[in-house]
PDB file of N, CA and C in Angstrom:
ATOM      1  N   MET A   1    -109.645 -64.895 102.420  1.00  0.00           N
ATOM      2  CA  MET A   1    -110.741 -64.460 101.576  1.00  0.00           C
ATOM      3  C   MET A   1    -110.301 -64.380 100.123  1.00  0.00           C
ATOM      4  N   LEU A   2    -109.090 -63.926  99.856  1.00  0.00           N
ATOM      5  CA  LEU A   2    -108.611 -63.840  98.483  1.00  0.00           C
ATOM      6  C   LEU A   2    -108.579 -65.194  97.813  1.00  0.00           C
ATOM      7  N   VAL A   3    -108.224 -66.224  98.555  1.00  0.00           N
ATOM      8  CA  VAL A   3    -108.181 -67.571  97.983  1.00  0.00           C
ATOM      9  C   VAL A   3    -109.580 -67.986  97.549  1.00  0.00           C
ATOM     10  N   LEU A   4    -110.585 -67.728  98.382  1.00  0.00           N
ATOM     11  CA  LEU A   4    -111.950 -68.086  98.030  1.00  0.00           C
ATOM     12  C   LEU A   4    -112.433 -67.298  96.819  1.00  0.00           C
ATOM     13  N   CYS A   5    -112.143 -66.014  96.765  1.00  0.00           N
ATOM     14  CA  CYS A   5    -112.546 -65.197  95.623  1.00  0.00           C
ATOM     15  C   CYS A   5    -111.851 -65.682  94.354  1.00  0.00           C
ATOM     16  N   GLY A   6    -110.585 -65.992  94.467  1.00  0.00           N
ATOM     17  CA  GLY A   6    -109.840 -66.495  93.321  1.00  0.00           C
ATOM     18  C   GLY A   6    -110.384 -67.821  92.842  1.00  0.00           C
ATOM     19  N   PHE A   7    -110.753 -68.705  93.766  1.00  0.00           N
ATOM     20  CA  PHE A   7    -111.317 -70.001  93.422  1.00  0.00           C
ATOM     21  C   PHE A   7    -112.638 -69.827  92.687  1.00  0.00           C
ATOM     22  N   ALA A   8    -113.495 -68.951  93.174  1.00  0.00           N
ATOM     23  CA  ALA A   8    -114.794 -68.721  92.534  1.00  0.00           C
ATOM     24  C   ALA A   8    -114.616 -68.119  91.144  1.00  0.00           C
ATOM     25  N   SER A   9    -113.701 -67.174  91.007  1.00  0.00           N
ATOM     26  CA  SER A   9    -113.525 -66.556  89.701  1.00  0.00           C
ATOM     27  C   SER A   9    -112.856 -67.513  88.722  1.00  0.00           C
ATOM     28  N   LEU A  10    -112.049 -68.432  89.220  1.00  0.00           N
ATOM     29  CA  LEU A  10    -111.409 -69.419  88.368  1.00  0.00           C
ATOM     30  C   LEU A  10    -112.454 -70.259  87.646  1.00  0.00           C
ATOM     31  N   TYR A  11    -113.501 -70.620  88.332  1.00  0.00           N
ATOM     32  CA  TYR A  11    -114.543 -71.438  87.742  1.00  0.00           C
ATOM     33  C   TYR A  11    -115.657 -70.619  87.130  1.00  0.00           C
ATOM     34  N   GLY A  12    -115.679 -69.334  87.343  1.00  0.00           N
ATOM     35  CA  GLY A  12    -116.596 -68.448  86.666  1.00  0.00           C
ATOM     36  C   GLY A  12    -118.048 -68.562  87.093  1.00  0.00           C
ATOM     37  N   THR A  13    -118.332 -69.210  88.181  1.00  0.00           N
ATOM     38  CA  THR A  13    -119.725 -69.339  88.600  1.00  0.00           C
ATOM     39  C   THR A  13    -120.046 -68.283  89.640  1.00  0.00           C
ATOM     40  N   ALA A  14    -121.290 -67.865  89.638  1.00  0.00           N
ATOM     41  CA  ALA A  14    -121.742 -66.883  90.621  1.00  0.00           C
ATOM     42  C   ALA A  14    -121.721 -67.514  92.003  1.00  0.00           C
ATOM     43  N   TRP A  15    -121.507 -66.694  93.024  1.00  0.00           N
ATOM     44  CA  TRP A  15    -121.540 -67.200  94.388  1.00  0.00           C
ATOM     45  C   TRP A  15    -122.861 -67.907  94.615  1.00  0.00           C
ATOM     46  N   GLY A  16    -122.809 -69.114  95.120  1.00  0.00           N
ATOM     47  CA  GLY A  16    -124.012 -69.846  95.450  1.00  0.00           C
ATOM     48  C   GLY A  16    -124.644 -70.562  94.266  1.00  0.00           C
ATOM     49  N   ALA A  17    -124.165 -70.366  93.044  1.00  0.00           N
ATOM     50  CA  ALA A  17    -124.739 -71.050  91.892  1.00  0.00           C
ATOM     51  C   ALA A  17    -124.445 -72.537  91.991  1.00  0.00           C
ATOM     52  N   ASP A  18    -125.433 -73.345  91.651  1.00  0.00           N
ATOM     53  CA  ASP A  18    -125.348 -74.793  91.783  1.00  0.00           C
ATOM     54  C   ASP A  18    -125.675 -75.432  90.438  1.00  0.00           C
ATOM     55  N   ALA A  19    -124.643 -75.876  89.726  1.00  0.00           N
ATOM     56  CA  ALA A  19    -124.839 -76.472  88.408  1.00  0.00           C
ATOM     57  C   ALA A  19    -125.724 -77.711  88.474  1.00  0.00           C
ATOM     58  N   ALA A  20    -125.613 -78.498  89.548  1.00  0.00           N
ATOM     59  CA  ALA A  20    -126.447 -79.700  89.674  1.00  0.00           C
ATOM     60  C   ALA A  20    -127.925 -79.319  89.770  1.00  0.00           C
ATOM     61  N   ALA A  21    -128.230 -78.284  90.531  1.00  0.00           N
ATOM     62  CA  ALA A  21    -129.614 -77.799  90.609  1.00  0.00           C
ATOM     63  C   ALA A  21    -130.030 -77.220  89.263  1.00  0.00           C
ATOM     64  N   GLY A  22    -129.121 -76.554  88.583  1.00  0.00           N
ATOM     65  CA  GLY A  22    -129.402 -75.999  87.260  1.00  0.00           C
ATOM     66  C   GLY A  22    -129.742 -77.075  86.250  1.00  0.00           C
ATOM     67  N   LYS A  23    -129.127 -78.247  86.393  1.00  0.00           N
ATOM     68  CA  LYS A  23    -129.413 -79.369  85.484  1.00  0.00           C
ATOM     69  C   LYS A  23    -130.880 -79.778  85.590  1.00  0.00           C
ATOM     70  N   GLY A  24    -131.415 -79.801  86.797  1.00  0.00           N
ATOM     71  CA  GLY A  24    -132.821 -80.143  86.989  1.00  0.00           C
ATOM     72  C   GLY A  24    -133.753 -79.114  86.370  1.00  0.00           C
ATOM     73  N   ILE A  25    -133.411 -77.844  86.525  1.00  0.00           N
ATOM     74  CA  ILE A  25    -134.215 -76.770  85.938  1.00  0.00           C
ATOM     75  C   ILE A  25    -134.123 -76.839  84.416  1.00  0.00           C
ATOM     76  N   PHE A  26    -132.925 -77.073  83.911  1.00  0.00           N
ATOM     77  CA  PHE A  26    -132.705 -77.220  82.473  1.00  0.00           C
ATOM     78  C   PHE A  26    -133.591 -78.338  81.923  1.00  0.00           C
ATOM     79  N   ALA A  27    -133.673 -79.449  82.649  1.00  0.00           N
ATOM     80  CA  ALA A  27    -134.468 -80.597  82.203  1.00  0.00           C
ATOM     81  C   ALA A  27    -135.949 -80.261  82.080  1.00  0.00           C
ATOM     82  N   THR A  28    -136.442 -79.352  82.916  1.00  0.00           N
ATOM     83  CA  THR A  28    -137.867 -79.018  82.862  1.00  0.00           C
ATOM     84  C   THR A  28    -138.171 -77.810  81.977  1.00  0.00           C
ATOM     85  N   LYS A  29    -137.201 -76.925  81.781  1.00  0.00           N
ATOM     86  CA  LYS A  29    -137.481 -75.673  81.067  1.00  0.00           C
ATOM     87  C   LYS A  29    -136.776 -75.543  79.711  1.00  0.00           C
ATOM     88  N   CYS A  30    -135.703 -76.288  79.488  1.00  0.00           N
ATOM     89  CA  CYS A  30    -134.852 -76.023  78.330  1.00  0.00           C
ATOM     90  C   CYS A  30    -134.688 -77.194  77.363  1.00  0.00           C
ATOM     91  N   LYS A  31    -134.857 -78.420  77.852  1.00  0.00           N
ATOM     92  CA  LYS A  31    -134.497 -79.568  77.028  1.00  0.00           C
ATOM     93  C   LYS A  31    -135.385 -79.768  75.811  1.00  0.00           C
ATOM     94  N   THR A  32    -136.593 -79.224  75.816  1.00  0.00           N
ATOM     95  CA  THR A  32    -137.461 -79.369  74.645  1.00  0.00           C
ATOM     96  C   THR A  32    -136.764 -78.842  73.394  1.00  0.00           C
ATOM     97  N   CYS A  33    -136.107 -77.725  73.502  1.00  0.00           N
ATOM     98  CA  CYS A  33    -135.402 -77.135  72.356  1.00  0.00           C
ATOM     99  C   CYS A  33    -133.923 -77.502  72.323  1.00  0.00           C
ATOM    100  N   HIS A  34    -133.287 -77.501  73.491  1.00  0.00           N
ATOM    101  CA  HIS A  34    -131.836 -77.699  73.537  1.00  0.00           C
ATOM    102  C   HIS A  34    -131.411 -79.146  73.704  1.00  0.00           C
ATOM    103  N   GLY A  35    -132.373 -80.052  73.894  1.00  0.00           N
ATOM    104  CA  GLY A  35    -132.045 -81.463  74.085  1.00  0.00           C
ATOM    105  C   GLY A  35    -131.528 -81.708  75.486  1.00  0.00           C
ATOM    106  N   ALA A  36    -131.670 -82.942  75.937  1.00  0.00           N
ATOM    107  CA  ALA A  36    -131.249 -83.292  77.299  1.00  0.00           C
ATOM    108  C   ALA A  36    -129.759 -83.072  77.517  1.00  0.00           C
ATOM    109  N   ASP A  37    -128.975 -83.201  76.439  1.00  0.00           N
ATOM    110  CA  ASP A  37    -127.522 -83.065  76.555  1.00  0.00           C
ATOM    111  C   ASP A  37    -127.002 -81.708  76.077  1.00  0.00           C
ATOM    112  N   GLY A  38    -127.928 -80.794  75.723  1.00  0.00           N
ATOM    113  CA  GLY A  38    -127.516 -79.463  75.284  1.00  0.00           C
ATOM    114  C   GLY A  38    -127.049 -79.399  73.845  1.00  0.00           C
ATOM    115  N   GLN A  39    -127.217 -80.485  73.090  1.00  0.00           N
ATOM    116  CA  GLN A  39    -126.744 -80.507  71.704  1.00  0.00           C
ATOM    117  C   GLN A  39    -127.771 -79.984  70.716  1.00  0.00           C
ATOM    118  N   GLY A  40    -128.973 -79.674  71.195  1.00  0.00           N
ATOM    119  CA  GLY A  40    -130.025 -79.144  70.338  1.00  0.00           C
ATOM    120  C   GLY A  40    -130.969 -80.237  69.872  1.00  0.00           C
ATOM    121  N   ASN A  41    -132.223 -79.900  69.754  1.00  0.00           N
ATOM    122  CA  ASN A  41    -133.251 -80.811  69.285  1.00  0.00           C
ATOM    123  C   ASN A  41    -133.465 -80.502  67.804  1.00  0.00           C
ATOM    124  N   ALA A  42    -132.991 -81.388  66.927  1.00  0.00           N
ATOM    125  CA  ALA A  42    -133.067 -81.155  65.483  1.00  0.00           C
ATOM    126  C   ALA A  42    -134.505 -80.979  65.011  1.00  0.00           C
ATOM    127  N   GLY A  43    -135.428 -81.747  65.574  1.00  0.00           N
ATOM    128  CA  GLY A  43    -136.837 -81.627  65.198  1.00  0.00           C
ATOM    129  C   GLY A  43    -137.399 -80.255  65.540  1.00  0.00           C
ATOM    130  N   MET A  44    -137.061 -79.765  66.708  1.00  0.00           N
ATOM    131  CA  MET A  44    -137.541 -78.445  67.117  1.00  0.00           C
ATOM    132  C   MET A  44    -136.892 -77.357  66.258  1.00  0.00           C
ATOM    133  N   ALA A  45    -135.626 -77.520  65.932  1.00  0.00           N
ATOM    134  CA  ALA A  45    -134.950 -76.550  65.068  1.00  0.00           C
ATOM    135  C   ALA A  45    -135.640 -76.483  63.708  1.00  0.00           C
ATOM    136  N   LYS A  46    -136.040 -77.633  63.191  1.00  0.00           N
ATOM    137  CA  LYS A  46    -136.727 -77.684  61.903  1.00  0.00           C
ATOM    138  C   LYS A  46    -138.084 -76.979  61.983  1.00  0.00           C
ATOM    139  N   VAL A  47    -138.845 -77.255  63.053  1.00  0.00           N
ATOM    140  CA  VAL A  47    -140.149 -76.612  63.246  1.00  0.00           C
ATOM    141  C   VAL A  47    -139.991 -75.097  63.332  1.00  0.00           C
ATOM    142  N   LEU A  48    -138.987 -74.647  64.066  1.00  0.00           N
ATOM    143  CA  LEU A  48    -138.766 -73.213  64.255  1.00  0.00           C
ATOM    144  C   LEU A  48    -138.017 -72.556  63.092  1.00  0.00           C
ATOM    145  N   LYS A  49    -137.536 -73.400  62.173  1.00  0.00           N
ATOM    146  CA  LYS A  49    -136.758 -72.919  61.022  1.00  0.00           C
ATOM    147  C   LYS A  49    -135.574 -72.078  61.480  1.00  0.00           C
ATOM    148  N   THR A  50    -134.804 -72.682  62.374  1.00  0.00           N
ATOM    149  CA  THR A  50    -133.634 -71.998  62.918  1.00  0.00           C
ATOM    150  C   THR A  50    -132.570 -73.034  63.282  1.00  0.00           C
ATOM    151  N   GLU A  51    -131.397 -72.575  63.556  1.00  0.00           N
ATOM    152  CA  GLU A  51    -130.324 -73.425  64.067  1.00  0.00           C
ATOM    153  C   GLU A  51    -130.331 -73.313  65.591  1.00  0.00           C
ATOM    154  N   ILE A  52    -130.266 -74.445  66.244  1.00  0.00           N
ATOM    155  CA  ILE A  52    -130.099 -74.439  67.700  1.00  0.00           C
ATOM    156  C   ILE A  52    -128.670 -74.893  67.959  1.00  0.00           C
ATOM    157  N   LYS A  53    -127.834 -73.931  68.253  1.00  0.00           N
ATOM    158  CA  LYS A  53    -126.403 -74.196  68.445  1.00  0.00           C
ATOM    159  C   LYS A  53    -126.185 -75.052  69.694  1.00  0.00           C
ATOM    160  N   PRO A  54    -125.328 -76.072  69.601  1.00  0.00           N
ATOM    161  CA  PRO A  54    -125.016 -76.864  70.802  1.00  0.00           C
ATOM    162  C   PRO A  54    -124.478 -75.956  71.911  1.00  0.00           C
ATOM    163  N   LEU A  55    -124.902 -76.210  73.118  1.00  0.00           N
ATOM    164  CA  LEU A  55    -124.461 -75.383  74.240  1.00  0.00           C
ATOM    165  C   LEU A  55    -123.002 -75.635  74.596  1.00  0.00           C
ATOM    166  N   THR A  56    -122.411 -76.681  74.006  1.00  0.00           N
ATOM    167  CA  THR A  56    -120.985 -76.952  74.192  1.00  0.00           C
ATOM    168  C   THR A  56    -120.132 -76.183  73.181  1.00  0.00           C
ATOM    169  N   ASP A  57    -120.769 -75.550  72.220  1.00  0.00           N
ATOM    170  CA  ASP A  57    -120.060 -74.818  71.178  1.00  0.00           C
ATOM    171  C   ASP A  57    -119.203 -73.714  71.808  1.00  0.00           C
ATOM    172  N   PRO A  58    -117.987 -73.518  71.298  1.00  0.00           N
ATOM    173  CA  PRO A  58    -117.114 -72.472  71.858  1.00  0.00           C
ATOM    174  C   PRO A  58    -117.754 -71.082  71.873  1.00  0.00           C
ATOM    175  N   GLU A  59    -118.601 -70.777  70.894  1.00  0.00           N
ATOM    176  CA  GLU A  59    -119.268 -69.475  70.871  1.00  0.00           C
ATOM    177  C   GLU A  59    -120.191 -69.319  72.082  1.00  0.00           C
ATOM    178  N   VAL A  60    -120.912 -70.366  72.409  1.00  0.00           N
ATOM    179  CA  VAL A  60    -121.806 -70.332  73.575  1.00  0.00           C
ATOM    180  C   VAL A  60    -120.986 -70.326  74.855  1.00  0.00           C
ATOM    181  N   GLN A  61    -119.985 -71.194  74.920  1.00  0.00           N
ATOM    182  CA  GLN A  61    -119.170 -71.291  76.127  1.00  0.00           C
ATOM    183  C   GLN A  61    -118.334 -70.046  76.356  1.00  0.00           C
ATOM    184  N   GLY A  62    -118.114 -69.250  75.307  1.00  0.00           N
ATOM    185  CA  GLY A  62    -117.371 -67.999  75.445  1.00  0.00           C
ATOM    186  C   GLY A  62    -118.194 -66.883  76.075  1.00  0.00           C
ATOM    187  N   LEU A  63    -119.501 -67.101  76.176  1.00  0.00           N
ATOM    188  CA  LEU A  63    -120.367 -66.103  76.812  1.00  0.00           C
ATOM    189  C   LEU A  63    -120.130 -66.098  78.317  1.00  0.00           C
ATOM    190  N   SER A  64    -120.303 -64.960  78.922  1.00  0.00           N
ATOM    191  CA  SER A  64    -120.219 -64.894  80.383  1.00  0.00           C
ATOM    192  C   SER A  64    -121.519 -65.443  80.968  1.00  0.00           C
ATOM    193  N   GLU A  65    -121.499 -65.770  82.252  1.00  0.00           N
ATOM    194  CA  GLU A  65    -122.735 -66.217  82.899  1.00  0.00           C
ATOM    195  C   GLU A  65    -123.782 -65.107  82.850  1.00  0.00           C
ATOM    196  N   ALA A  66    -123.354 -63.860  82.950  1.00  0.00           N
ATOM    197  CA  ALA A  66    -124.295 -62.739  82.866  1.00  0.00           C
ATOM    198  C   ALA A  66    -124.968 -62.712  81.493  1.00  0.00           C
ATOM    199  N   ASP A  67    -124.193 -62.961  80.431  1.00  0.00           N
ATOM    200  CA  ASP A  67    -124.761 -63.002  79.084  1.00  0.00           C
ATOM    201  C   ASP A  67    -125.759 -64.150  78.950  1.00  0.00           C
ATOM    202  N   ILE A  68    -125.410 -65.314  79.485  1.00  0.00           N
ATOM    203  CA  ILE A  68    -126.303 -66.480  79.422  1.00  0.00           C
ATOM    204  C   ILE A  68    -127.592 -66.181  80.173  1.00  0.00           C
ATOM    205  N   LYS A  69    -127.467 -65.593  81.344  1.00  0.00           N
ATOM    206  CA  LYS A  69    -128.668 -65.258  82.121  1.00  0.00           C
ATOM    207  C   LYS A  69    -129.549 -64.272  81.368  1.00  0.00           C
ATOM    208  N   LYS A  70    -128.948 -63.304  80.707  1.00  0.00           N
ATOM    209  CA  LYS A  70    -129.723 -62.322  79.949  1.00  0.00           C
ATOM    210  C   LYS A  70    -130.472 -63.000  78.802  1.00  0.00           C
ATOM    211  N   ILE A  71    -129.813 -63.898  78.096  1.00  0.00           N
ATOM    212  CA  ILE A  71    -130.454 -64.611  76.992  1.00  0.00           C
ATOM    213  C   ILE A  71    -131.600 -65.470  77.504  1.00  0.00           C
ATOM    214  N   VAL A  72    -131.381 -66.182  78.601  1.00  0.00           N
ATOM    215  CA  VAL A  72    -132.435 -67.020  79.164  1.00  0.00           C
ATOM    216  C   VAL A  72    -133.621 -66.155  79.605  1.00  0.00           C
ATOM    217  N   ALA A  73    -133.349 -65.088  80.302  1.00  0.00           N
ATOM    218  CA  ALA A  73    -134.415 -64.248  80.865  1.00  0.00           C
ATOM    219  C   ALA A  73    -135.132 -63.388  79.828  1.00  0.00           C
ATOM    220  N   GLU A  74    -134.397 -62.939  78.799  1.00  0.00           N
ATOM    221  CA  GLU A  74    -134.983 -62.010  77.822  1.00  0.00           C
ATOM    222  C   GLU A  74    -135.228 -62.631  76.457  1.00  0.00           C
ATOM    223  N   GLY A  75    -134.616 -63.790  76.195  1.00  0.00           N
ATOM    224  CA  GLY A  75    -134.717 -64.409  74.884  1.00  0.00           C
ATOM    225  C   GLY A  75    -133.709 -63.808  73.922  1.00  0.00           C
ATOM    226  N   LYS A  76    -133.568 -64.458  72.757  1.00  0.00           N
ATOM    227  CA  LYS A  76    -132.656 -63.957  71.725  1.00  0.00           C
ATOM    228  C   LYS A  76    -133.045 -64.632  70.416  1.00  0.00           C
ATOM    229  N   GLY A  77    -133.222 -63.850  69.378  1.00  0.00           N
ATOM    230  CA  GLY A  77    -133.643 -64.413  68.098  1.00  0.00           C
ATOM    231  C   GLY A  77    -135.001 -65.085  68.259  1.00  0.00           C
ATOM    232  N   LYS A  78    -135.091 -66.333  67.844  1.00  0.00           N
ATOM    233  CA  LYS A  78    -136.354 -67.063  67.962  1.00  0.00           C
ATOM    234  C   LYS A  78    -136.554 -67.669  69.344  1.00  0.00           C
ATOM    235  N   MET A  79    -135.533 -67.601  70.190  1.00  0.00           N
ATOM    236  CA  MET A  79    -135.669 -68.125  71.546  1.00  0.00           C
ATOM    237  C   MET A  79    -136.479 -67.133  72.379  1.00  0.00           C
ATOM    238  N   LYS A  80    -137.556 -67.616  72.925  1.00  0.00           N
ATOM    239  CA  LYS A  80    -138.409 -66.789  73.782  1.00  0.00           C
ATOM    240  C   LYS A  80    -137.825 -66.762  75.198  1.00  0.00           C
ATOM    241  N   PRO A  81    -138.150 -65.740  75.978  1.00  0.00           N
ATOM    242  CA  PRO A  81    -137.702 -65.711  77.377  1.00  0.00           C
ATOM    243  C   PRO A  81    -138.213 -66.943  78.125  1.00  0.00           C
ATOM    244  N   VAL A  82    -137.408 -67.415  79.044  1.00  0.00           N
ATOM    245  CA  VAL A  82    -137.775 -68.570  79.866  1.00  0.00           C
ATOM    246  C   VAL A  82    -138.158 -68.047  81.246  1.00  0.00           C
ATOM    247  N   ALA A  83    -139.245 -68.572  81.785  1.00  0.00           N
ATOM    248  CA  ALA A  83    -139.740 -68.130  83.097  1.00  0.00           C
ATOM    249  C   ALA A  83    -138.881 -68.746  84.197  1.00  0.00           C
ATOM    250  N   VAL A  84    -137.717 -68.163  84.404  1.00  0.00           N
ATOM    251  CA  VAL A  84    -136.809 -68.584  85.467  1.00  0.00           C
ATOM    252  C   VAL A  84    -136.076 -67.337  85.939  1.00  0.00           C
ATOM    253  N   SER A  85    -135.901 -67.207  87.249  1.00  0.00           N
ATOM    254  CA  SER A  85    -135.259 -66.006  87.777  1.00  0.00           C
ATOM    255  C   SER A  85    -134.540 -66.322  89.077  1.00  0.00           C
ATOM    256  N   GLY A  86    -133.891 -65.314  89.616  1.00  0.00           N
ATOM    257  CA  GLY A  86    -133.206 -65.437  90.898  1.00  0.00           C
ATOM    258  C   GLY A  86    -132.174 -66.545  90.907  1.00  0.00           C
ATOM    259  N   PRO A  87    -132.101 -67.291  92.011  1.00  0.00           N
ATOM    260  CA  PRO A  87    -131.113 -68.361  92.126  1.00  0.00           C
ATOM    261  C   PRO A  87    -131.273 -69.435  91.051  1.00  0.00           C
ATOM    262  N   ASP A  88    -132.508 -69.692  90.614  1.00  0.00           N
ATOM    263  CA  ASP A  88    -132.705 -70.687  89.553  1.00  0.00           C
ATOM    264  C   ASP A  88    -132.018 -70.253  88.265  1.00  0.00           C
ATOM    265  N   LEU A  89    -132.070 -68.977  87.961  1.00  0.00           N
ATOM    266  CA  LEU A  89    -131.403 -68.448  86.773  1.00  0.00           C
ATOM    267  C   LEU A  89    -129.884 -68.586  86.912  1.00  0.00           C
ATOM    268  N   ASP A  90    -129.361 -68.284  88.089  1.00  0.00           N
ATOM    269  CA  ASP A  90    -127.928 -68.468  88.351  1.00  0.00           C
ATOM    270  C   ASP A  90    -127.534 -69.926  88.149  1.00  0.00           C
ATOM    271  N   ASN A  91    -128.369 -70.839  88.646  1.00  0.00           N
ATOM    272  CA  ASN A  91    -128.071 -72.265  88.560  1.00  0.00           C
ATOM    273  C   ASN A  91    -128.093 -72.771  87.119  1.00  0.00           C
ATOM    274  N   VAL A  92    -129.056 -72.311  86.326  1.00  0.00           N
ATOM    275  CA  VAL A  92    -129.113 -72.712  84.917  1.00  0.00           C
ATOM    276  C   VAL A  92    -127.868 -72.217  84.189  1.00  0.00           C
ATOM    277  N   ALA A  93    -127.485 -70.984  84.422  1.00  0.00           N
ATOM    278  CA  ALA A  93    -126.287 -70.440  83.774  1.00  0.00           C
ATOM    279  C   ALA A  93    -125.050 -71.239  84.185  1.00  0.00           C
ATOM    280  N   ALA A  94    -124.946 -71.595  85.455  1.00  0.00           N
ATOM    281  CA  ALA A  94    -123.811 -72.405  85.921  1.00  0.00           C
ATOM    282  C   ALA A  94    -123.823 -73.771  85.244  1.00  0.00           C
ATOM    283  N   TYR A  95    -125.009 -74.350  85.063  1.00  0.00           N
ATOM    284  CA  TYR A  95    -125.100 -75.650  84.398  1.00  0.00           C
ATOM    285  C   TYR A  95    -124.662 -75.546  82.934  1.00  0.00           C
ATOM    286  N   VAL A  96    -125.126 -74.514  82.240  1.00  0.00           N
ATOM    287  CA  VAL A  96    -124.723 -74.339  80.851  1.00  0.00           C
ATOM    288  C   VAL A  96    -123.203 -74.202  80.773  1.00  0.00           C
ATOM    289  N   LYS A  97    -122.611 -73.416  81.641  1.00  0.00           N
ATOM    290  CA  LYS A  97    -121.152 -73.268  81.644  1.00  0.00           C
ATOM    291  C   LYS A  97    -120.443 -74.572  81.978  1.00  0.00           C
ATOM    292  N   SER A  98    -121.086 -75.439  82.748  1.00  0.00           N
ATOM    293  CA  SER A  98    -120.473 -76.723  83.116  1.00  0.00           C
ATOM    294  C   SER A  98    -120.414 -77.690  81.939  1.00  0.00           C
ATOM    295  N   MET A  99    -121.122 -77.383  80.864  1.00  0.00           N
ATOM    296  CA  MET A  99    -121.125 -78.244  79.681  1.00  0.00           C
ATOM    297  C   MET A  99    -119.854 -78.089  78.846  1.00  0.00           C
ATOM    298  N   LYS A 100    -119.010 -77.143  79.201  1.00  0.00           N
ATOM    299  CA  LYS A 100    -117.776 -76.889  78.446  1.00  0.00           C
ATOM    300  C   LYS A 100    -116.965 -78.172  78.324  1.00  0.00           C
ATOM    301  N   LYS A 101    -116.510 -78.423  77.131  1.00  0.00           N
ATOM    302  CA  LYS A 101    -115.713 -79.637  76.896  1.00  0.00           C
ATOM    303  C   LYS A 101    -114.245 -79.322  76.892  1.00  0.00           C
TER     304      LYS A 101
END
């Protein structure tokens, strides 16, 4: 059991989180602002008069999955809450973390 717990914590994903499933949810709920590749949609940033930080940025990747889930669920700054919860929220957070370069 310790090996499994260590393996899960090494990758930082919640038990049962599926980054591949999160990619599909991201494509339907997040790509309008964050772009298909997570680098940000410059046009949307201009409309919103804000910076959309690339999700590969070390500042974003330094967030915990819990922090990412909170931002997605509650919003932050000009980002409005996204209607995603439960396992889908876990999966989106795992997908965002998988973008680490």
